PDB file of N, CA and C in Angstrom:
ATOM      1  N   MET A   1       0.734  -1.124   0.027  1.00  0.00           N
ATOM      2  CA  MET A   1       0.065  -0.012   0.009  1.00  0.00           C
ATOM      3  C   MET A   1       0.887   1.227   0.086  1.00  0.00           C
ATOM      4  N   ALA A   2       1.936   1.235   0.761  1.00  0.00           N
ATOM      5  CA  ALA A   2       2.791   2.437   0.800  1.00  0.00           C
ATOM      6  C   ALA A   2       3.438   2.621  -0.577  1.00  0.00           C
ATOM      7  N   SER A   3       3.766   1.665  -1.335  1.00  0.00           N
ATOM      8  CA  SER A   3       4.342   1.887  -2.657  1.00  0.00           C
ATOM      9  C   SER A   3       3.364   2.515  -3.648  1.00  0.00           C
ATOM     10  N   LYS A   4       2.057   2.107  -3.482  1.00  0.00           N
ATOM     11  CA  LYS A   4       0.975   2.885  -4.337  1.00  0.00           C
ATOM     12  C   LYS A   4       0.947   4.315  -3.896  1.00  0.00           C
ATOM     13  N   PHE A   5       0.973   4.628  -2.689  1.00  0.00           N
ATOM     14  CA  PHE A   5       0.801   5.963  -2.245  1.00  0.00           C
ATOM     15  C   PHE A   5       2.024   6.841  -2.685  1.00  0.00           C
ATOM     16  N   GLY A   6       3.248   6.077  -2.724  1.00  0.00           N
ATOM     17  CA  GLY A   6       4.428   6.769  -3.190  1.00  0.00           C
ATOM     18  C   GLY A   6       4.354   7.076  -4.692  1.00  0.00           C
ATOM     19  N   LEU A   7       3.795   6.077  -5.612  1.00  0.00           N
ATOM     20  CA  LEU A   7       3.603   6.371  -6.900  1.00  0.00           C
ATOM     21  C   LEU A   7       2.610   7.560  -7.191  1.00  0.00           C
ATOM     22  N   VAL A   8       1.551   7.576  -6.409  1.00  0.00           N
ATOM     23  CA  VAL A   8       0.652   8.689  -6.594  1.00  0.00           C
ATOM     24  C   VAL A   8       1.233   9.954  -6.245  1.00  0.00           C
ATOM     25  N   GLY A   9       2.135  10.007  -5.232  1.00  0.00           N
ATOM     26  CA  GLY A   9       2.859  11.315  -4.865  1.00  0.00           C
ATOM     27  C   GLY A   9       3.749  11.624  -6.057  1.00  0.00           C
ATOM     28  N   LEU A  10       4.565  10.586  -6.586  1.00  0.00           N
ATOM     29  CA  LEU A  10       5.438  10.930  -7.611  1.00  0.00           C
ATOM     30  C   LEU A  10       4.596  11.452  -8.892  1.00  0.00           C
ATOM     31  N   ASN A  11       3.472  10.911  -9.079  1.00  0.00           N
ATOM     32  CA  ASN A  11       2.643  11.329 -10.129  1.00  0.00           C
ATOM     33  C   ASN A  11       2.233  12.727  -9.932  1.00  0.00           C
ATOM     34  N   GLU A  12       1.832  13.191  -8.766  1.00  0.00           N
ATOM     35  CA  GLU A  12       1.457  14.562  -8.517  1.00  0.00           C
ATOM     36  C   GLU A  12       2.505  15.474  -8.628  1.00  0.00           C
ATOM     37  N   SER A  13       3.701  15.005  -8.267  1.00  0.00           N
ATOM     38  CA  SER A  13       4.935  15.981  -8.480  1.00  0.00           C
ATOM     39  C   SER A  13       5.066  16.249  -9.923  1.00  0.00           C
ATOM     40  N   ALA A  14       5.110  15.089 -10.707  1.00  0.00           N
ATOM     41  CA  ALA A  14       5.335  15.263 -12.179  1.00  0.00           C
ATOM     42  C   ALA A  14       4.167  16.004 -12.745  1.00  0.00           C
ATOM     43  N   TYR A  15       2.940  15.887 -12.397  1.00  0.00           N
ATOM     44  CA  TYR A  15       1.892  16.565 -12.867  1.00  0.00           C
ATOM     45  C   TYR A  15       2.115  18.055 -12.911  1.00  0.00           C
ATOM     46  N   TRP A  16       2.639  18.602 -11.615  1.00  0.00           N
ATOM     47  CA  TRP A  16       2.757  19.984 -11.656  1.00  0.00           C
ATOM     48  C   TRP A  16       4.061  20.455 -12.291  1.00  0.00           C
ATOM     49  N   GLU A  17       5.184  19.752 -12.109  1.00  0.00           N
ATOM     50  CA  GLU A  17       6.511  20.130 -12.737  1.00  0.00           C
ATOM     51  C   GLU A  17       6.425  20.147 -14.195  1.00  0.00           C
ATOM     52  N   LEU A  18       5.695  19.241 -14.804  1.00  0.00           N
ATOM     53  CA  LEU A  18       5.740  19.077 -16.313  1.00  0.00           C
ATOM     54  C   LEU A  18       4.638  19.878 -16.978  1.00  0.00           C
ATOM     55  N   ALA A  19       3.755  20.395 -16.192  1.00  0.00           N
ATOM     56  CA  ALA A  19       2.571  21.269 -16.773  1.00  0.00           C
ATOM     57  C   ALA A  19       3.224  22.376 -17.553  1.00  0.00           C
ATOM     58  N   THR A  20       4.284  22.958 -17.095  1.00  0.00           N
ATOM     59  CA  THR A  20       4.791  24.210 -17.709  1.00  0.00           C
ATOM     60  C   THR A  20       5.411  23.971 -19.082  1.00  0.00           C
ATOM     61  N   ASP A  21       5.688  22.682 -19.274  1.00  0.00           N
ATOM     62  CA  ASP A  21       6.232  22.246 -20.544  1.00  0.00           C
ATOM     63  C   ASP A  21       5.092  21.578 -21.492  1.00  0.00           C
ATOM     64  N   GLY A  22       3.902  21.727 -21.034  1.00  0.00           N
ATOM     65  CA  GLY A  22       2.780  21.245 -21.723  1.00  0.00           C
ATOM     66  C   GLY A  22       2.592  19.687 -21.697  1.00  0.00           C
ATOM     67  N   ILE A  23       3.253  19.013 -20.767  1.00  0.00           N
ATOM     68  CA  ILE A  23       3.008  17.628 -20.627  1.00  0.00           C
ATOM     69  C   ILE A  23       2.122  17.344 -19.642  1.00  0.00           C
ATOM     70  N   LYS A  24       1.183  16.477 -19.979  1.00  0.00           N
ATOM     71  CA  LYS A  24       0.089  15.989 -18.995  1.00  0.00           C
ATOM     72  C   LYS A  24       0.466  14.703 -18.432  1.00  0.00           C
ATOM     73  N   VAL A  25       0.165  14.666 -17.148  1.00  0.00           N
ATOM     74  CA  VAL A  25       0.462  13.344 -16.345  1.00  0.00           C
ATOM     75  C   VAL A  25      -0.822  13.010 -15.636  1.00  0.00           C
ATOM     76  N   THR A  26      -1.277  11.682 -15.737  1.00  0.00           N
ATOM     77  CA  THR A  26      -2.437  11.207 -15.025  1.00  0.00           C
ATOM     78  C   THR A  26      -2.096   9.905 -14.419  1.00  0.00           C
ATOM     79  N   ALA A  27      -2.498   9.774 -13.122  1.00  0.00           N
ATOM     80  CA  ALA A  27      -2.384   8.447 -12.533  1.00  0.00           C
ATOM     81  C   ALA A  27      -3.701   7.703 -12.676  1.00  0.00           C
ATOM     82  N   ILE A  28      -3.700   6.470 -13.141  1.00  0.00           N
ATOM     83  CA  ILE A  28      -4.785   5.633 -13.250  1.00  0.00           C
ATOM     84  C   ILE A  28      -4.730   4.585 -12.155  1.00  0.00           C
ATOM     85  N   CYS A  29      -5.630   4.643 -11.071  1.00  0.00           N
ATOM     86  CA  CYS A  29      -5.545   3.763  -9.991  1.00  0.00           C
ATOM     87  C   CYS A  29      -6.684   2.799 -10.021  1.00  0.00           C
ATOM     88  N   PRO A  30      -6.546   1.711 -10.531  1.00  0.00           N
ATOM     89  CA  PRO A  30      -7.631   0.708 -10.527  1.00  0.00           C
ATOM     90  C   PRO A  30      -7.646  -0.171  -9.249  1.00  0.00           C
ATOM     91  N   GLY A  31      -8.823  -0.530  -8.876  1.00  0.00           N
ATOM     92  CA  GLY A  31      -8.840  -1.543  -7.627  1.00  0.00           C
ATOM     93  C   GLY A  31      -8.596  -2.913  -8.220  1.00  0.00           C
ATOM     94  N   TRP A  32      -9.177  -3.872  -7.746  1.00  0.00           N
ATOM     95  CA  TRP A  32      -8.992  -5.240  -8.209  1.00  0.00           C
ATOM     96  C   TRP A  32      -9.376  -5.320  -9.613  1.00  0.00           C
ATOM     97  N   THR A  33      -8.404  -5.744 -10.445  1.00  0.00           N
ATOM     98  CA  THR A  33      -8.609  -5.796 -11.940  1.00  0.00           C
ATOM     99  C   THR A  33      -8.480  -7.267 -12.429  1.00  0.00           C
ATOM    100  N   ASN A  34      -9.385  -7.764 -13.263  1.00  0.00           N
ATOM    101  CA  ASN A  34      -9.410  -8.978 -13.740  1.00  0.00           C
ATOM    102  C   ASN A  34      -8.198  -9.463 -14.655  1.00  0.00           C
ATOM    103  N   THR A  35      -7.174  -9.760 -13.899  1.00  0.00           N
ATOM    104  CA  THR A  35      -5.911 -10.199 -14.471  1.00  0.00           C
ATOM    105  C   THR A  35      -5.490 -11.488 -13.984  1.00  0.00           C
ATOM    106  N   ASP A  36      -4.587 -12.191 -14.631  1.00  0.00           N
ATOM    107  CA  ASP A  36      -3.935 -13.377 -14.030  1.00  0.00           C
ATOM    108  C   ASP A  36      -3.305 -13.045 -12.695  1.00  0.00           C
ATOM    109  N   MET A  37      -2.622 -11.950 -12.645  1.00  0.00           N
ATOM    110  CA  MET A  37      -1.838 -11.603 -11.478  1.00  0.00           C
ATOM    111  C   MET A  37      -2.935 -11.522 -10.263  1.00  0.00           C
ATOM    112  N   ALA A  38      -3.950 -10.798 -10.466  1.00  0.00           N
ATOM    113  CA  ALA A  38      -4.982 -10.667  -9.441  1.00  0.00           C
ATOM    114  C   ALA A  38      -5.501 -12.032  -8.929  1.00  0.00           C
ATOM    115  N   ILE A  39      -5.880 -12.772  -9.917  1.00  0.00           N
ATOM    116  CA  ILE A  39      -6.449 -14.137  -9.643  1.00  0.00           C
ATOM    117  C   ILE A  39      -5.408 -15.009  -8.856  1.00  0.00           C
ATOM    118  N   GLN A  40      -4.232 -15.044  -9.293  1.00  0.00           N
ATOM    119  CA  GLN A  40      -3.162 -15.807  -8.709  1.00  0.00           C
ATOM    120  C   GLN A  40      -2.726 -15.338  -7.384  1.00  0.00           C
ATOM    121  N   GLY A  41      -2.967 -14.010  -7.239  1.00  0.00           N
ATOM    122  CA  GLY A  41      -2.626 -13.326  -5.845  1.00  0.00           C
ATOM    123  C   GLY A  41      -3.740 -13.536  -4.901  1.00  0.00           C
ATOM    124  N   GLY A  42      -4.764 -14.198  -5.190  1.00  0.00           N
ATOM    125  CA  GLY A  42      -5.946 -14.300  -4.299  1.00  0.00           C
ATOM    126  C   GLY A  42      -6.864 -13.349  -4.150  1.00  0.00           C
ATOM    127  N   ALA A  43      -7.278 -12.722  -5.280  1.00  0.00           N
ATOM    128  CA  ALA A  43      -8.234 -11.712  -5.237  1.00  0.00           C
ATOM    129  C   ALA A  43      -9.572 -12.072  -4.592  1.00  0.00           C
ATOM    130  N   PRO A  44     -10.155 -11.250  -3.628  1.00  0.00           N
ATOM    131  CA  PRO A  44     -11.319 -11.712  -2.872  1.00  0.00           C
ATOM    132  C   PRO A  44     -12.677 -11.566  -3.784  1.00  0.00           C
ATOM    133  N   LEU A  45     -12.543 -11.341  -4.988  1.00  0.00           N
ATOM    134  CA  LEU A  45     -13.747 -11.100  -5.814  1.00  0.00           C
ATOM    135  C   LEU A  45     -13.641 -12.155  -7.041  1.00  0.00           C
ATOM    136  N   LYS A  46     -14.850 -12.413  -7.542  1.00  0.00           N
ATOM    137  CA  LYS A  46     -14.969 -13.214  -8.738  1.00  0.00           C
ATOM    138  C   LYS A  46     -14.411 -12.415  -9.924  1.00  0.00           C
ATOM    139  N   SER A  47     -13.963 -13.062 -11.024  1.00  0.00           N
ATOM    140  CA  SER A  47     -13.568 -12.254 -12.117  1.00  0.00           C
ATOM    141  C   SER A  47     -14.554 -11.310 -12.573  1.00  0.00           C
ATOM    142  N   GLU A  48     -15.708 -11.733 -12.757  1.00  0.00           N
ATOM    143  CA  GLU A  48     -16.841 -10.736 -13.331  1.00  0.00           C
ATOM    144  C   GLU A  48     -17.100  -9.575 -12.342  1.00  0.00           C
ATOM    145  N   GLU A  49     -16.654  -9.773 -11.128  1.00  0.00           N
ATOM    146  CA  GLU A  49     -16.874  -8.620 -10.069  1.00  0.00           C
ATOM    147  C   GLU A  49     -15.763  -7.632 -10.086  1.00  0.00           C
ATOM    148  N   MET A  50     -14.617  -7.909 -10.731  1.00  0.00           N
ATOM    149  CA  MET A  50     -13.413  -7.088 -10.743  1.00  0.00           C
ATOM    150  C   MET A  50     -13.603  -6.068 -11.995  1.00  0.00           C
ATOM    151  N   ILE A  51     -12.728  -5.179 -11.841  1.00  0.00           N
ATOM    152  CA  ILE A  51     -12.661  -4.216 -12.961  1.00  0.00           C
ATOM    153  C   ILE A  51     -12.047  -4.892 -14.213  1.00  0.00           C
ATOM    154  N   GLN A  52     -12.670  -4.776 -15.336  1.00  0.00           N
ATOM    155  CA  GLN A  52     -12.176  -5.449 -16.533  1.00  0.00           C
ATOM    156  C   GLN A  52     -11.051  -4.531 -17.142  1.00  0.00           C
ATOM    157  N   PRO A  53     -10.003  -5.292 -17.674  1.00  0.00           N
ATOM    158  CA  PRO A  53      -8.974  -4.534 -18.478  1.00  0.00           C
ATOM    159  C   PRO A  53      -9.531  -3.498 -19.445  1.00  0.00           C
ATOM    160  N   SER A  54     -10.554  -3.932 -20.144  1.00  0.00           N
ATOM    161  CA  SER A  54     -11.204  -3.025 -21.097  1.00  0.00           C
ATOM    162  C   SER A  54     -11.760  -1.608 -20.480  1.00  0.00           C
ATOM    163  N   ASP A  55     -12.065  -1.661 -19.215  1.00  0.00           N
ATOM    164  CA  ASP A  55     -12.500  -0.549 -18.548  1.00  0.00           C
ATOM    165  C   ASP A  55     -11.327   0.506 -18.458  1.00  0.00           C
ATOM    166  N   ILE A  56     -10.127  -0.009 -18.137  1.00  0.00           N
ATOM    167  CA  ILE A  56      -8.878   0.766 -17.989  1.00  0.00           C
ATOM    168  C   ILE A  56      -8.559   1.389 -19.417  1.00  0.00           C
ATOM    169  N   PHE A  57      -8.671   0.488 -20.464  1.00  0.00           N
ATOM    170  CA  PHE A  57      -8.403   0.942 -21.820  1.00  0.00           C
ATOM    171  C   PHE A  57      -9.470   2.057 -22.159  1.00  0.00           C
ATOM    172  N   LYS A  58     -10.646   1.933 -21.725  1.00  0.00           N
ATOM    173  CA  LYS A  58     -11.655   3.083 -22.055  1.00  0.00           C
ATOM    174  C   LYS A  58     -11.297   4.295 -21.413  1.00  0.00           C
ATOM    175  N   ALA A  59     -10.830   4.226 -20.097  1.00  0.00           N
ATOM    176  CA  ALA A  59     -10.423   5.403 -19.398  1.00  0.00           C
ATOM    177  C   ALA A  59      -9.307   6.118 -20.186  1.00  0.00           C
ATOM    178  N   ILE A  60      -8.359   5.343 -20.607  1.00  0.00           N
ATOM    179  CA  ILE A  60      -7.056   5.886 -21.517  1.00  0.00           C
ATOM    180  C   ILE A  60      -7.615   6.552 -22.656  1.00  0.00           C
ATOM    181  N   LEU A  61      -8.561   6.000 -23.431  1.00  0.00           N
ATOM    182  CA  LEU A  61      -9.065   6.608 -24.603  1.00  0.00           C
ATOM    183  C   LEU A  61      -9.830   7.866 -24.251  1.00  0.00           C
ATOM    184  N   TRP A  62     -10.507   7.847 -23.095  1.00  0.00           N
ATOM    185  CA  TRP A  62     -11.332   9.058 -22.817  1.00  0.00           C
ATOM    186  C   TRP A  62     -10.324  10.146 -22.479  1.00  0.00           C
ATOM    187  N   LEU A  63      -9.285   9.894 -21.751  1.00  0.00           N
ATOM    188  CA  LEU A  63      -8.123  10.849 -21.466  1.00  0.00           C
ATOM    189  C   LEU A  63      -7.610  11.393 -22.829  1.00  0.00           C
ATOM    190  N   LEU A  64      -7.291  10.527 -23.787  1.00  0.00           N
ATOM    191  CA  LEU A  64      -6.656  10.935 -24.919  1.00  0.00           C
ATOM    192  C   LEU A  64      -7.625  11.793 -25.852  1.00  0.00           C
ATOM    193  N   ASN A  65      -8.904  11.735 -25.665  1.00  0.00           N
ATOM    194  CA  ASN A  65      -9.804  12.527 -26.481  1.00  0.00           C
ATOM    195  C   ASN A  65     -10.249  13.721 -25.882  1.00  0.00           C
ATOM    196  N   LEU A  66      -9.770  14.181 -24.713  1.00  0.00           N
ATOM    197  CA  LEU A  66     -10.242  15.453 -24.083  1.00  0.00           C
ATOM    198  C   LEU A  66      -9.652  16.606 -24.814  1.00  0.00           C
ATOM    199  N   SER A  67     -10.143  17.702 -24.621  1.00  0.00           N
ATOM    200  CA  SER A  67      -9.578  18.879 -25.336  1.00  0.00           C
ATOM    201  C   SER A  67      -8.209  19.216 -24.800  1.00  0.00           C
ATOM    202  N   PRO A  68      -7.346  19.952 -25.577  1.00  0.00           N
ATOM    203  CA  PRO A  68      -5.954  20.204 -25.082  1.00  0.00           C
ATOM    204  C   PRO A  68      -5.906  20.951 -23.789  1.00  0.00           C
ATOM    205  N   SER A  69      -6.898  21.678 -23.398  1.00  0.00           N
ATOM    206  CA  SER A  69      -6.880  22.370 -22.217  1.00  0.00           C
ATOM    207  C   SER A  69      -7.280  21.652 -21.007  1.00  0.00           C
ATOM    208  N   ALA A  70      -7.934  20.484 -21.077  1.00  0.00           N
ATOM    209  CA  ALA A  70      -8.237  19.594 -19.997  1.00  0.00           C
ATOM    210  C   ALA A  70      -7.120  18.787 -19.406  1.00  0.00           C
ATOM    211  N   ARG A  71      -7.085  18.817 -18.093  1.00  0.00           N
ATOM    212  CA  ARG A  71      -5.996  18.085 -17.385  1.00  0.00           C
ATOM    213  C   ARG A  71      -6.688  17.297 -16.284  1.00  0.00           C
ATOM    214  N   ILE A  72      -6.284  16.042 -16.248  1.00  0.00           N
ATOM    215  CA  ILE A  72      -6.922  15.136 -15.107  1.00  0.00           C
ATOM    216  C   ILE A  72      -5.680  14.632 -14.291  1.00  0.00           C
ATOM    217  N   ARG A  73      -5.646  14.931 -12.971  1.00  0.00           N
ATOM    218  CA  ARG A  73      -4.600  14.471 -12.306  1.00  0.00           C
ATOM    219  C   ARG A  73      -4.584  12.906 -11.880  1.00  0.00           C
ATOM    220  N   GLU A  74      -5.783  12.448 -11.579  1.00  0.00           N
ATOM    221  CA  GLU A  74      -5.929  11.058 -11.117  1.00  0.00           C
ATOM    222  C   GLU A  74      -7.336  10.518 -11.548  1.00  0.00           C
ATOM    223  N   ILE A  75      -7.366   9.282 -11.844  1.00  0.00           N
ATOM    224  CA  ILE A  75      -8.538   8.557 -12.088  1.00  0.00           C
ATOM    225  C   ILE A  75      -8.556   7.263 -11.156  1.00  0.00           C
ATOM    226  N   ILE A  76      -9.510   7.168 -10.352  1.00  0.00           N
ATOM    227  CA  ILE A  76      -9.639   6.000  -9.439  1.00  0.00           C
ATOM    228  C   ILE A  76     -10.849   5.138  -9.934  1.00  0.00           C
ATOM    229  N   LEU A  77     -10.556   3.994 -10.148  1.00  0.00           N
ATOM    230  CA  LEU A  77     -11.623   2.947 -10.592  1.00  0.00           C
ATOM    231  C   LEU A  77     -11.802   1.969  -9.570  1.00  0.00           C
ATOM    232  N   GLU A  78     -12.968   1.945  -9.022  1.00  0.00           N
ATOM    233  CA  GLU A  78     -13.324   0.979  -7.890  1.00  0.00           C
ATOM    234  C   GLU A  78     -14.198  -0.172  -8.376  1.00  0.00           C
ATOM    235  N   CYS A  79     -14.116  -1.226  -7.739  1.00  0.00           N
ATOM    236  CA  CYS A  79     -14.995  -2.272  -8.052  1.00  0.00           C
ATOM    237  C   CYS A  79     -16.443  -1.952  -7.313  1.00  0.00           C
ATOM    238  N   ASP A  80     -17.438  -2.511  -7.915  1.00  0.00           N
ATOM    239  CA  ASP A  80     -18.724  -2.355  -7.375  1.00  0.00           C
ATOM    240  C   ASP A  80     -18.869  -2.957  -6.029  1.00  0.00           C
ATOM    241  N   LYS A  81     -18.118  -4.048  -5.873  1.00  0.00           N
ATOM    242  CA  LYS A  81     -18.166  -4.879  -4.675  1.00  0.00           C
ATOM    243  C   LYS A  81     -16.753  -4.788  -3.932  1.00  0.00           C
ATOM    244  N   SER A  82     -16.383  -3.604  -3.768  1.00  0.00           N
ATOM    245  CA  SER A  82     -14.906  -3.411  -3.193  1.00  0.00           C
ATOM    246  C   SER A  82     -14.948  -4.037  -1.756  1.00  0.00           C
ATOM    247  N   VAL A  83     -13.718  -4.596  -1.453  1.00  0.00           N
ATOM    248  CA  VAL A  83     -13.529  -5.227  -0.223  1.00  0.00           C
ATOM    249  C   VAL A  83     -12.616  -4.271   0.579  1.00  0.00           C
ATOM    250  N   PHE A  84     -12.967  -3.808   1.646  1.00  0.00           N
ATOM    251  CA  PHE A  84     -12.125  -2.922   2.478  1.00  0.00           C
ATOM    252  C   PHE A  84     -11.549  -3.671   3.641  1.00  0.00           C
TER     253      PHE A  84
END
């Protein structure tokens, strides 16, 4: 968990530092994602209850289709049946 927090912090730093150069930085933070790694790692959800890789792809496409003036710092994708 601490490493994810560190990556979000690094993202925020890059978001602000690179903005003056016209470079956009977005962190995409998905919850349990239906991947082999999640399943082998003991995900507490069924495959169909997890975020699908296609959902992450759609989020990336959405980002790429925003107007040049739009900036998104972070996208958080959560499962409908999140386990806390």
